[in-house]
Amino acid sequence: MQLRTVELIVPVDEIGRRLASDPTVARRADLANATEWLSAGLGSGLAEFVVSNDAPIEHVTATILEWLRWPMSKRQEP
């Protein structure tokens, strides 16, 4: 199967908001690393497709699946 790459982008303030619910030393280090990488322009430009990851997960997933041309199954109501 062919390998495809997708980059999910998120603003630094959103990364901080998401990591705030788990305020460990490791999470603070993750945020510092992400901020440093983004400031240096690292961590992007390697993917074939870039998606903003600030929308609901269903939208992000649908966007990626559409790009991949994978058929989407219809949700079944409970």
C-alpha atoms as a PDB file:
ATOM      1  CA  MET A   1       0.000   0.000   0.000  1.00  0.00           C
ATOM      2  CA  GLN A   2       1.230   3.469  -0.845  1.00  0.00           C
ATOM      3  CA  LEU A   3       2.286   5.605   2.115  1.00  0.00           C
ATOM      4  CA  ARG A   4       0.593   9.016   2.333  1.00  0.00           C
ATOM      5  CA  THR A   5       1.496  11.733   4.816  1.00  0.00           C
ATOM      6  CA  VAL A   6      -0.756  14.307   6.443  1.00  0.00           C
ATOM      7  CA  GLU A   7       0.363  17.152   8.673  1.00  0.00           C
ATOM      8  CA  LEU A   8      -2.078  18.335  11.321  1.00  0.00           C
ATOM      9  CA  ILE A   9      -1.477  21.965  12.212  1.00  0.00           C
ATOM     10  CA  VAL A  10      -2.666  23.642  15.388  1.00  0.00           C
ATOM     11  CA  PRO A  11      -1.914  27.141  16.714  1.00  0.00           C
ATOM     12  CA  VAL A  12       0.411  27.236  19.745  1.00  0.00           C
ATOM     13  CA  ASP A  13      -2.302  28.698  21.992  1.00  0.00           C
ATOM     14  CA  GLU A  14      -4.579  25.759  21.130  1.00  0.00           C
ATOM     15  CA  ILE A  15      -1.779  23.292  21.872  1.00  0.00           C
ATOM     16  CA  GLY A  16      -1.398  24.986  25.266  1.00  0.00           C
ATOM     17  CA  ARG A  17      -5.133  24.789  25.909  1.00  0.00           C
ATOM     18  CA  ARG A  18      -5.196  21.076  25.067  1.00  0.00           C
ATOM     19  CA  LEU A  19      -2.173  20.285  27.226  1.00  0.00           C
ATOM     20  CA  ALA A  20      -3.509  22.318  30.169  1.00  0.00           C
ATOM     21  CA  SER A  21      -5.869  19.514  31.203  1.00  0.00           C
ATOM     22  CA  ASP A  22      -2.796  17.374  32.034  1.00  0.00           C
ATOM     23  CA  PRO A  23      -0.461  19.822  33.830  1.00  0.00           C
ATOM     24  CA  THR A  24       2.522  17.532  34.321  1.00  0.00           C
ATOM     25  CA  VAL A  25       6.162  18.466  33.878  1.00  0.00           C
ATOM     26  CA  ALA A  26       6.222  16.369  30.714  1.00  0.00           C
ATOM     27  CA  ARG A  27       3.258  18.267  29.230  1.00  0.00           C
ATOM     28  CA  ARG A  28       4.913  21.615  29.975  1.00  0.00           C
ATOM     29  CA  ALA A  29       8.044  20.300  28.260  1.00  0.00           C
ATOM     30  CA  ASP A  30       5.921  19.184  25.276  1.00  0.00           C
ATOM     31  CA  LEU A  31       4.476  22.695  24.980  1.00  0.00           C
ATOM     32  CA  ALA A  32       7.926  24.294  25.245  1.00  0.00           C
ATOM     33  CA  ASN A  33       9.249  21.945  22.551  1.00  0.00           C
ATOM     34  CA  ALA A  34       6.292  22.602  20.250  1.00  0.00           C
ATOM     35  CA  THR A  35       6.672  26.360  20.692  1.00  0.00           C
ATOM     36  CA  GLU A  36      10.402  26.154  19.964  1.00  0.00           C
ATOM     37  CA  TRP A  37       9.892  23.967  16.868  1.00  0.00           C
ATOM     38  CA  LEU A  38       7.195  26.237  15.478  1.00  0.00           C
ATOM     39  CA  SER A  39       9.270  29.367  16.140  1.00  0.00           C
ATOM     40  CA  ALA A  40      12.211  27.780  14.317  1.00  0.00           C
ATOM     41  CA  GLY A  41      10.009  26.709  11.401  1.00  0.00           C
ATOM     42  CA  LEU A  42      10.607  23.033  12.092  1.00  0.00           C
ATOM     43  CA  GLY A  43       8.125  20.188  11.947  1.00  0.00           C
ATOM     44  CA  SER A  44       6.320  21.242   8.821  1.00  0.00           C
ATOM     45  CA  GLY A  45       6.730  20.897   5.112  1.00  0.00           C
ATOM     46  CA  LEU A  46       7.254  17.149   5.125  1.00  0.00           C
ATOM     47  CA  ALA A  47       3.676  16.088   4.475  1.00  0.00           C
ATOM     48  CA  GLU A  48       1.831  15.799   1.182  1.00  0.00           C
ATOM     49  CA  PHE A  49      -1.322  17.312   2.647  1.00  0.00           C
ATOM     50  CA  VAL A  50      -1.842  19.802   5.474  1.00  0.00           C
ATOM     51  CA  VAL A  51      -5.011  19.978   7.566  1.00  0.00           C
ATOM     52  CA  SER A  52      -5.894  22.480  10.258  1.00  0.00           C
ATOM     53  CA  ASN A  53      -6.685  20.478  13.374  1.00  0.00           C
ATOM     54  CA  ASP A  54      -8.868  23.103  15.037  1.00  0.00           C
ATOM     55  CA  ALA A  55     -12.196  21.717  13.834  1.00  0.00           C
ATOM     56  CA  PRO A  56     -14.251  18.843  15.270  1.00  0.00           C
ATOM     57  CA  ILE A  57     -12.562  15.462  14.816  1.00  0.00           C
ATOM     58  CA  GLU A  58     -15.301  14.310  12.434  1.00  0.00           C
ATOM     59  CA  HIS A  59     -14.558  17.220  10.080  1.00  0.00           C
ATOM     60  CA  VAL A  60     -10.790  16.713  10.209  1.00  0.00           C
ATOM     61  CA  THR A  61     -11.209  12.994   9.555  1.00  0.00           C
ATOM     62  CA  ALA A  62     -13.639  13.565   6.677  1.00  0.00           C
ATOM     63  CA  THR A  63     -11.225  16.056   5.101  1.00  0.00           C
ATOM     64  CA  ILE A  64      -8.367  13.551   5.239  1.00  0.00           C
ATOM     65  CA  LEU A  65     -10.475  10.662   3.967  1.00  0.00           C
ATOM     66  CA  GLU A  66     -11.747  12.803   1.106  1.00  0.00           C
ATOM     67  CA  TRP A  67      -8.164  13.702   0.158  1.00  0.00           C
ATOM     68  CA  LEU A  68      -7.231  10.015   0.270  1.00  0.00           C
ATOM     69  CA  ARG A  69     -10.338   9.225  -1.827  1.00  0.00           C
ATOM     70  CA  TRP A  70     -11.386   6.615   0.697  1.00  0.00           C
ATOM     71  CA  PRO A  71     -15.084   5.855   0.690  1.00  0.00           C
ATOM     72  CA  MET A  72     -16.830   7.127   3.769  1.00  0.00           C
ATOM     73  CA  SER A  73     -19.290   4.791   5.385  1.00  0.00           C
ATOM     74  CA  LYS A  74     -22.558   6.264   6.463  1.00  0.00           C
ATOM     75  CA  ARG A  75     -23.092   6.514  10.173  1.00  0.00           C
ATOM     76  CA  GLN A  76     -25.729   4.269  11.541  1.00  0.00           C
ATOM     77  CA  GLU A  77     -28.112   5.889  13.965  1.00  0.00           C
ATOM     78  CA  PRO A  78     -28.289   4.130  17.372  1.00  0.00           C
END
